[in-house]
């Protein structure tokens, strides 16, 4: 056996061994660090998805340490490939990649004739302001457009950490304003435009709808669709943040990590932010009327939740993260004068999601100010479930149920 062949065999064996160790390490990490409470939809599928996501992050870190490619770029690329499918042309839709004010968008227009102006749906994808893309939400946007006969505009806003707050907000706002002004060109009734998004996209949806209430020169949005939205970055000890802190695919610390990256905060202070040290006592008292656990129904407090005593704050932590008190980043903090002018809302929450109580608290604020709310709660749902409504063998029936519920709301609104 030649030396070259021996080296090749040894290299191959080492590669296989490293792959095996990686798989074992990822599975060990997943089972030792995550919690899958009883009642979660298809727990084994969820574990598989989470293992894949952890594995991608680990491989990305290895490649970065080897100076082959950036971990973030690698993770984005693989995530998009996992969620995106090359579907090509759609017999029921005319799909175009365009730019609105320099912002990439994908427009989905039904091919069927329409007697009058259609509804329009502006969609902002999720991904913690750091991940997600037009491509990774292509399947969902096609489904919504086909199911509702509405024109869907998916917005490819800039991502952190390359582009910090308010870059994503500005892109989504400018694309929305452009579409409201030009809706007729796409066969859309300007008074029938719905703003929507999931997770970070739900945050952007809520914030943009609040800004639009003051735009007297634009048609008002018909409705807002908030899919497990993040609407506050003040209290990370709400019942859902405690109960679901280690439930895939969004851990509590990961949610805080995304927020800090979005605003260019200090990641070395992440533990302090989790503990609420970024919030001065006077602001904690001010926001208690909206954020206090008493605003959350008792049925959501029975699963291992104990009220927490309010602590003090650290001035340096506050200074590094004070942008979170802006309603454009924490829409729950908007004044009543703004909230009461908002369009009717659809809010989707999931029981096993750290952001569950964000949605519940925002629902209460809207209802207290006379804004009609349609609330759909997935009792077996987890964060991100709608991204897997049509994902082959890793599809979730509850995700499909949620997406169909959203479609029906858009049809009926």
Protein backbone atom coordinates (compact mmCIF):
# COMPACT_ATOMS: atom_id res chain seq x y z
CA UNK A 1 0.00 0.00 0.00
CA UNK A 2 1.49 3.33 -1.04
CA UNK A 3 2.12 6.16 1.41
CA UNK A 4 -0.38 8.41 -0.37
CA UNK A 5 -3.11 5.78 -0.03
CA UNK A 6 -2.30 5.24 3.65
CA UNK A 7 -2.50 8.98 4.29
CA UNK A 8 -5.80 9.17 2.41
CA UNK A 9 -7.25 6.31 4.49
CA UNK A 10 -6.04 7.91 7.72
CA UNK A 11 -7.44 11.31 6.68
CA UNK A 12 -10.76 9.75 5.75
CA UNK A 13 -10.93 7.88 9.06
CA UNK A 14 -10.14 11.08 10.96
CA UNK A 15 -12.82 12.96 9.04
CA UNK A 16 -15.42 10.27 9.77
CA UNK A 17 -14.35 10.26 13.41
CA UNK A 18 -14.66 14.03 13.67
CA UNK A 19 -18.12 13.90 12.06
CA UNK A 20 -19.16 11.21 14.52
CA UNK A 21 -17.88 13.23 17.47
CA UNK A 22 -19.67 16.31 16.15
CA UNK A 23 -22.97 14.44 15.87
CA UNK A 24 -22.57 12.92 19.35
CA UNK A 25 -21.61 16.31 20.81
CA UNK A 26 -24.58 18.05 19.24
CA UNK A 27 -27.03 15.41 20.44
CA UNK A 28 -25.52 15.54 23.94
CA UNK A 29 -25.76 19.33 24.01
CA UNK A 30 -29.36 19.26 22.83
CA UNK A 31 -30.55 16.71 25.37
CA UNK A 32 -28.59 18.20 28.29
CA UNK A 33 -29.41 21.88 27.68
CA UNK A 34 -32.94 21.90 26.27
CA UNK A 35 -36.28 21.16 27.89
CA UNK A 36 -39.17 19.64 25.98
CA UNK A 37 -42.20 19.97 28.28
CA UNK A 38 -45.10 17.51 27.98
CA UNK A 39 -47.59 18.72 25.41
CA UNK A 40 -45.19 20.13 22.80
CA UNK A 41 -46.13 19.25 19.23
CA UNK A 42 -44.06 16.36 17.79
CA UNK A 43 -41.21 16.58 20.32
CA UNK A 44 -38.85 14.28 18.41
CA UNK A 45 -39.18 16.37 15.24
CA UNK A 46 -38.47 19.46 17.30
CA UNK A 47 -35.34 17.86 18.75
CA UNK A 48 -34.14 16.91 15.27
CA UNK A 49 -34.61 20.45 13.98
CA UNK A 50 -32.83 21.87 17.00
CA UNK A 51 -29.93 19.42 16.61
CA UNK A 52 -29.55 20.47 12.98
CA UNK A 53 -29.49 24.15 13.97
CA UNK A 54 -26.91 23.53 16.69
CA UNK A 55 -24.82 21.44 14.31
CA UNK A 56 -24.85 24.19 11.69
CA UNK A 57 -23.69 26.73 14.28
CA UNK A 58 -20.89 24.42 15.47
CA UNK A 59 -19.65 23.72 11.94
CA UNK A 60 -19.79 27.43 11.20
CA UNK A 61 -17.65 28.15 14.26
CA UNK A 62 -15.12 25.51 13.17
CA UNK A 63 -14.94 26.98 9.67
CA UNK A 64 -14.47 30.45 11.12
CA UNK A 65 -11.65 29.27 13.36
CA UNK A 66 -10.03 27.71 10.30
CA UNK A 67 -10.37 31.07 8.49
CA UNK A 68 -12.49 29.43 5.79
CA UNK A 69 -15.64 31.51 6.19
CA UNK A 70 -17.56 33.62 8.67
CA UNK A 71 -19.80 31.68 11.08
CA UNK A 72 -22.72 34.07 10.71
CA UNK A 73 -22.58 33.99 6.90
CA UNK A 74 -22.35 30.18 6.92
CA UNK A 75 -25.27 29.83 9.34
CA UNK A 76 -27.43 32.19 7.29
CA UNK A 77 -26.60 30.32 4.09
CA UNK A 78 -27.43 26.89 5.51
CA UNK A 79 -30.58 28.08 7.30
CA UNK A 80 -31.88 29.63 4.12
CA UNK A 81 -31.11 26.45 2.17
CA UNK A 82 -32.90 24.32 4.79
CA UNK A 83 -36.05 26.46 4.68
CA UNK A 84 -35.99 27.57 1.05
CA UNK A 85 -37.00 25.37 -1.86
CA UNK A 86 -36.52 26.13 -5.55
CA UNK A 87 -40.15 26.08 -6.58
CA UNK A 88 -39.79 27.94 -9.86
CA UNK A 89 -42.84 29.45 -11.52
CA UNK A 90 -46.23 29.11 -9.90
CA UNK A 91 -49.24 28.46 -12.16
CA UNK A 92 -51.44 30.54 -9.85
CA UNK A 93 -49.04 33.39 -9.08
CA UNK A 94 -46.96 35.96 -10.90
CA UNK A 95 -43.81 36.36 -8.79
CA UNK A 96 -41.37 39.23 -9.26
CA UNK A 97 -38.22 40.33 -7.41
CA UNK A 98 -38.25 44.12 -7.27
CA UNK A 99 -36.95 46.98 -5.16
CA UNK A 100 -39.07 49.52 -3.29
CA UNK A 101 -36.97 52.62 -2.52
CA UNK A 102 -33.86 50.49 -2.95
CA UNK A 103 -35.14 47.76 -0.60
CA UNK A 104 -35.38 44.21 -2.03
CA UNK A 105 -38.93 42.85 -2.12
CA UNK A 106 -40.65 39.86 -3.68
CA UNK A 107 -44.16 40.51 -4.97
CA UNK A 108 -46.68 37.66 -5.29
CA UNK A 109 -49.65 38.52 -7.52
CA UNK A 110 -52.51 36.07 -8.20
CA UNK A 111 -52.91 35.38 -11.91
CA UNK A 112 -56.69 35.00 -11.65
CA UNK A 113 -58.78 38.01 -12.70
CA UNK A 114 -60.21 40.25 -10.00
CA UNK A 115 -63.40 42.29 -10.22
CA UNK A 116 -62.00 45.05 -8.01
CA UNK A 117 -58.93 45.96 -6.00
CA UNK A 118 -57.42 43.04 -4.13
CA UNK A 119 -56.18 42.99 -0.58
CA UNK A 120 -52.48 43.51 -0.06
CA UNK A 121 -50.28 41.85 2.55
CA UNK A 122 -46.90 43.30 3.50
CA UNK A 123 -44.83 40.60 5.20
CA UNK A 124 -41.72 41.01 7.41
CA UNK A 125 -39.85 37.78 8.08
CA UNK A 126 -38.56 36.64 11.46
CA UNK A 127 -35.07 35.56 12.49
CA UNK A 128 -34.10 37.76 15.44
CA UNK A 129 -33.22 40.66 13.10
CA UNK A 130 -30.10 38.59 12.25
CA UNK A 131 -31.42 35.70 10.14
CA UNK A 132 -34.22 35.00 7.69
CA UNK A 133 -34.69 36.15 4.11
CA UNK A 134 -37.16 36.48 1.27
CA UNK A 135 -36.08 33.04 0.05
CA UNK A 136 -36.55 31.27 3.38
CA UNK A 137 -40.13 32.59 3.60
CA UNK A 138 -40.98 32.00 -0.05
CA UNK A 139 -43.09 28.88 0.62
CA UNK A 140 -45.14 30.68 3.28
CA UNK A 141 -45.72 33.82 1.19
CA UNK A 142 -46.80 31.76 -1.82
CA UNK A 143 -49.25 29.86 0.36
CA UNK A 144 -50.72 33.06 1.82
CA UNK A 145 -51.08 34.69 -1.58
CA UNK A 146 -52.73 31.61 -3.14
CA UNK A 147 -55.01 31.06 -0.15
CA UNK A 148 -56.19 34.65 0.21
CA UNK A 149 -56.08 35.81 -3.42
CA UNK A 150 -54.13 38.78 -2.05
CA UNK A 151 -51.00 40.46 -3.37
CA UNK A 152 -48.18 39.67 -0.93
CA UNK A 153 -45.05 41.81 -0.63
CA UNK A 154 -42.19 40.11 1.23
CA UNK A 155 -39.57 42.61 2.41
CA UNK A 156 -35.86 41.78 2.48
CA UNK A 157 -34.76 44.25 5.13
CA UNK A 158 -31.16 44.71 6.24
CA UNK A 159 -29.90 42.41 9.00
CA UNK A 160 -27.87 42.91 12.17
CA UNK A 161 -25.11 43.00 13.23
CA UNK A 162 -23.93 44.53 9.93
CA UNK A 163 -26.88 46.91 10.05
CA UNK A 164 -28.05 47.88 13.52
CA UNK A 165 -31.30 49.36 14.75
CA UNK A 166 -33.11 51.18 13.23
CA UNK A 167 -31.95 49.84 9.84
CA UNK A 168 -34.48 46.97 9.70
CA UNK A 169 -37.24 49.27 10.95
CA UNK A 170 -36.39 51.97 8.40
CA UNK A 171 -36.34 49.46 5.52
CA UNK A 172 -39.69 47.97 6.47
CA UNK A 173 -41.27 51.38 6.99
CA UNK A 174 -40.01 52.76 3.67
CA UNK A 175 -41.08 49.65 1.74
CA UNK A 176 -44.52 49.78 3.36
CA UNK A 177 -45.01 53.47 2.59
CA UNK A 178 -43.96 52.89 -1.03
CA UNK A 179 -46.46 50.06 -1.39
CA UNK A 180 -49.28 52.07 0.22
CA UNK A 181 -48.60 54.86 -2.29
CA UNK A 182 -48.40 52.55 -5.31
CA UNK A 183 -50.87 49.81 -4.34
CA UNK A 184 -53.11 50.51 -7.33
CA UNK A 185 -50.26 49.62 -9.69
CA UNK A 186 -50.36 46.07 -8.29
CA UNK A 187 -54.13 45.76 -8.43
CA UNK A 188 -54.50 46.40 -4.70
CA UNK A 189 -57.07 48.58 -2.97
CA UNK A 190 -54.87 51.00 -0.92
CA UNK A 191 -57.39 50.86 1.96
CA UNK A 192 -57.11 47.06 2.15
CA UNK A 193 -53.44 46.59 3.01
CA UNK A 194 -52.54 44.33 5.94
CA UNK A 195 -49.16 44.59 7.70
CA UNK A 196 -47.80 41.27 9.00
CA UNK A 197 -44.75 39.45 10.31
CA UNK A 198 -43.49 36.73 12.62
CA UNK A 199 -41.19 37.02 15.65
CA UNK A 200 -38.79 39.92 14.90
CA UNK A 201 -41.05 40.61 11.91
CA UNK A 202 -43.97 40.82 14.35
CA UNK A 203 -42.00 43.41 16.30
CA UNK A 204 -41.47 45.41 13.11
CA UNK A 205 -45.15 45.06 12.22
CA UNK A 206 -46.33 46.46 15.55
CA UNK A 207 -43.82 49.32 15.50
CA UNK A 208 -44.58 50.33 11.92
CA UNK A 209 -48.34 50.28 12.45
CA UNK A 210 -47.79 52.67 15.36
CA UNK A 211 -45.78 55.07 13.22
CA UNK A 212 -48.35 54.97 10.43
CA UNK A 213 -51.16 56.28 12.66
CA UNK A 214 -49.61 59.75 12.30
CA UNK A 215 -49.24 59.60 8.51
CA UNK A 216 -52.26 61.60 7.40
CA UNK A 217 -51.14 61.52 3.76
CA UNK A 218 -51.32 57.71 3.54
CA UNK A 219 -54.14 55.15 3.57
CA UNK A 220 -54.50 53.48 6.96
CA UNK A 221 -53.60 49.77 7.16
CA UNK A 222 -56.66 47.54 7.23
CA UNK A 223 -55.21 45.25 9.90
CA UNK A 224 -52.03 43.97 11.52
CA UNK A 225 -51.06 40.31 11.82
CA UNK A 226 -48.65 39.63 14.67
CA UNK A 227 -47.23 36.09 14.72
CA UNK A 228 -45.55 35.35 18.09
CA UNK A 229 -44.24 38.94 18.16
CA UNK A 230 -41.46 40.34 20.36
CA UNK A 231 -42.95 43.60 21.64
CA UNK A 232 -40.83 44.42 24.68
CA UNK A 233 -37.22 44.13 25.85
CA UNK A 234 -37.80 45.15 29.45
CA UNK A 235 -38.81 42.10 31.47
CA UNK A 236 -37.28 38.70 30.73
CA UNK A 237 -38.82 37.16 33.85
CA UNK A 238 -42.41 37.03 32.64
CA UNK A 239 -44.00 33.59 33.13
CA UNK A 240 -43.31 32.48 29.56
CA UNK A 241 -39.64 33.51 29.78
CA UNK A 242 -39.25 31.38 32.92
CA UNK A 243 -41.36 28.40 31.83
CA UNK A 244 -39.91 28.18 28.31
CA UNK A 245 -36.38 29.47 28.91
CA UNK A 246 -34.81 26.28 27.51
CA UNK A 247 -37.48 25.19 25.02
CA UNK A 248 -36.21 25.03 21.42
CA UNK A 249 -35.91 26.73 19.11
CA UNK A 250 -35.66 30.03 21.01
CA UNK A 251 -34.00 29.99 24.41
CA UNK A 252 -34.47 33.00 26.69
CA UNK A 253 -30.78 33.93 26.52
CA UNK A 254 -30.87 33.66 22.74
CA UNK A 255 -33.79 36.09 22.56
CA UNK A 256 -31.79 38.58 24.64
CA UNK A 257 -28.70 37.95 22.48
CA UNK A 258 -30.64 38.87 19.34
CA UNK A 259 -31.98 42.04 20.91
CA UNK A 260 -28.55 43.17 22.10
CA UNK A 261 -27.08 42.55 18.65
CA UNK A 262 -29.89 44.48 17.02
CA UNK A 263 -29.26 47.64 19.07
CA UNK A 264 -25.45 47.31 19.29
CA UNK A 265 -25.62 46.76 23.03
CA UNK A 266 -22.92 45.13 25.12
CA UNK A 267 -22.95 41.32 24.90
CA UNK A 268 -20.70 41.15 27.96
CA UNK A 269 -23.66 42.56 29.92
CA UNK A 270 -26.15 39.99 28.65
CA UNK A 271 -26.56 38.34 32.05
CA UNK A 272 -27.31 41.72 33.63
CA UNK A 273 -29.89 42.47 30.93
CA UNK A 274 -31.57 39.11 31.53
CA UNK A 275 -31.79 40.04 35.21
CA UNK A 276 -33.33 43.42 34.35
CA UNK A 277 -30.40 45.55 35.48
CA UNK A 278 -30.84 47.71 32.38
CA UNK A 279 -34.17 49.08 33.67
CA UNK A 280 -34.13 51.89 36.29
CA UNK A 281 -36.49 51.37 39.21
CA UNK A 282 -38.67 54.34 38.26
CA UNK A 283 -39.19 52.87 34.78
CA UNK A 284 -39.92 49.44 36.23
CA UNK A 285 -42.67 51.05 38.30
CA UNK A 286 -43.93 53.03 35.31
CA UNK A 287 -44.14 50.02 33.02
CA UNK A 288 -45.58 47.68 35.66
CA UNK A 289 -49.10 48.73 34.65
CA UNK A 290 -48.45 47.11 31.26
CA UNK A 291 -45.85 44.48 32.09
CA UNK A 292 -46.91 43.25 35.51
CA UNK A 293 -47.72 39.52 35.76
CA UNK A 294 -51.19 40.44 36.96
CA UNK A 295 -51.93 41.37 33.33
CA UNK A 296 -51.39 37.73 32.33
CA UNK A 297 -54.27 35.26 32.90
CA UNK A 298 -53.69 32.80 35.75
CA UNK A 299 -53.91 29.83 33.39
CA UNK A 300 -50.48 30.80 32.02
CA UNK A 301 -48.82 30.89 35.46
CA UNK A 302 -49.41 27.35 36.65
CA UNK A 303 -46.41 25.73 34.98
CA UNK A 304 -43.54 26.39 37.39
CA UNK A 305 -43.78 30.18 37.69
CA UNK A 306 -43.00 32.17 40.83
CA UNK A 307 -43.27 35.99 40.95
CA UNK A 308 -39.91 37.76 41.14
CA UNK A 309 -39.02 40.60 43.47
CA UNK A 310 -38.10 43.76 41.56
CA UNK A 311 -34.41 44.62 41.85
CA UNK A 312 -32.31 47.75 41.35
CA UNK A 313 -30.39 48.66 38.20
CA UNK A 314 -26.87 49.37 37.00
CA UNK A 315 -26.36 52.73 35.33
CA UNK A 316 -23.76 51.48 32.86
CA UNK A 317 -26.04 48.65 31.77
CA UNK A 318 -28.90 51.13 31.32
CA UNK A 319 -26.77 53.50 29.25
CA UNK A 320 -25.65 50.69 26.93
CA UNK A 321 -29.19 49.48 26.27
CA UNK A 322 -31.51 52.47 26.71
CA UNK A 323 -32.73 52.22 23.11
CA UNK A 324 -35.00 49.38 24.24
CA UNK A 325 -37.31 51.97 25.81
CA UNK A 326 -38.17 53.44 22.41
CA UNK A 327 -41.60 52.24 21.20
CA UNK A 328 -40.07 51.54 17.79
CA UNK A 329 -38.12 48.75 19.49
CA UNK A 330 -40.55 47.93 22.33
CA UNK A 331 -44.02 48.66 20.85
CA UNK A 332 -45.71 47.60 24.09
CA UNK A 333 -44.44 50.84 25.64
CA UNK A 334 -46.32 53.16 23.26
CA UNK A 335 -48.73 55.63 24.83
CA UNK A 336 -52.48 55.01 24.87
CA UNK A 337 -52.99 57.90 22.43
CA UNK A 338 -51.11 55.85 19.83
CA UNK A 339 -52.44 52.41 20.75
CA UNK A 340 -56.10 53.40 20.44
CA UNK A 341 -55.59 54.51 16.82
CA UNK A 342 -54.15 51.18 15.67
CA UNK A 343 -55.94 48.93 13.17
CA UNK A 344 -57.63 45.71 14.23
CA UNK A 345 -55.19 42.95 15.03
CA UNK A 346 -54.63 39.23 14.73
CA UNK A 347 -52.21 37.80 17.31
CA UNK A 348 -50.83 34.27 17.28
CA UNK A 349 -49.17 32.94 20.44
CA UNK A 350 -47.66 29.55 21.27
CA UNK A 351 -47.77 27.94 24.69
CA UNK A 352 -44.15 26.77 24.65
CA UNK A 353 -42.60 30.03 23.44
CA UNK A 354 -40.64 32.57 25.49
CA UNK A 355 -42.48 35.30 23.55
CA UNK A 356 -45.93 33.97 24.46
CA UNK A 357 -46.54 36.60 27.13
CA UNK A 358 -45.36 39.43 24.86
CA UNK A 359 -48.30 38.58 22.60
CA UNK A 360 -50.72 38.22 25.51
CA UNK A 361 -49.68 41.56 27.03
CA UNK A 362 -49.98 43.35 23.68
CA UNK A 363 -53.39 41.80 23.17
CA UNK A 364 -54.50 43.27 26.50
CA UNK A 365 -53.12 46.71 25.68
CA UNK A 366 -54.97 46.75 22.37
CA UNK A 367 -58.23 45.55 23.87
CA UNK A 368 -58.00 48.01 26.79
CA UNK A 369 -57.83 50.78 24.18
CA UNK A 370 -60.77 49.53 22.13
CA UNK A 371 -58.81 47.87 19.32
CA UNK A 372 -60.49 44.62 18.14
CA UNK A 373 -58.20 41.60 18.49
CA UNK A 374 -58.51 38.10 17.05
CA UNK A 375 -56.35 35.84 19.20
CA UNK A 376 -55.26 32.35 18.24
CA UNK A 377 -53.29 30.36 20.80
CA UNK A 378 -51.50 27.15 19.82
CA UNK A 379 -51.58 25.01 22.96
CA UNK A 380 -48.87 22.69 21.63
CA UNK A 381 -46.95 25.31 19.65
CA UNK A 382 -43.32 26.42 19.97
CA UNK A 383 -41.52 29.46 18.64
CA UNK A 384 -41.01 29.32 14.88
CA UNK A 385 -43.59 26.62 14.23
CA UNK A 386 -45.14 28.28 11.17
CA UNK A 387 -41.78 28.01 9.38
CA UNK A 388 -42.32 24.25 9.42
CA UNK A 389 -45.92 24.13 8.22
CA UNK A 390 -44.82 22.57 4.93
CA UNK A 391 -41.37 21.10 5.46
CA UNK A 392 -41.64 17.52 4.23
CA UNK A 393 -41.15 14.91 6.95
CA UNK A 394 -40.32 17.67 9.43
CA UNK A 395 -43.67 19.41 9.00
CA UNK A 396 -45.90 20.16 11.98
CA UNK A 397 -49.67 19.80 11.76
CA UNK A 398 -50.09 22.61 14.29
CA UNK A 399 -47.99 24.89 12.11
CA UNK A 400 -50.30 24.19 9.16
CA UNK A 401 -53.32 24.82 11.41
CA UNK A 402 -51.88 28.19 12.42
CA UNK A 403 -51.09 29.27 8.87
CA UNK A 404 -54.58 28.31 7.70
CA UNK A 405 -56.04 30.32 10.59
CA UNK A 406 -54.03 33.35 9.48
CA UNK A 407 -55.21 32.87 5.89
CA UNK A 408 -58.82 32.75 7.05
CA UNK A 409 -58.37 35.96 9.07
CA UNK A 410 -56.98 37.77 6.03
CA UNK A 411 -59.90 36.54 3.90
CA UNK A 412 -62.51 37.62 6.45
CA UNK A 413 -61.05 40.91 7.65
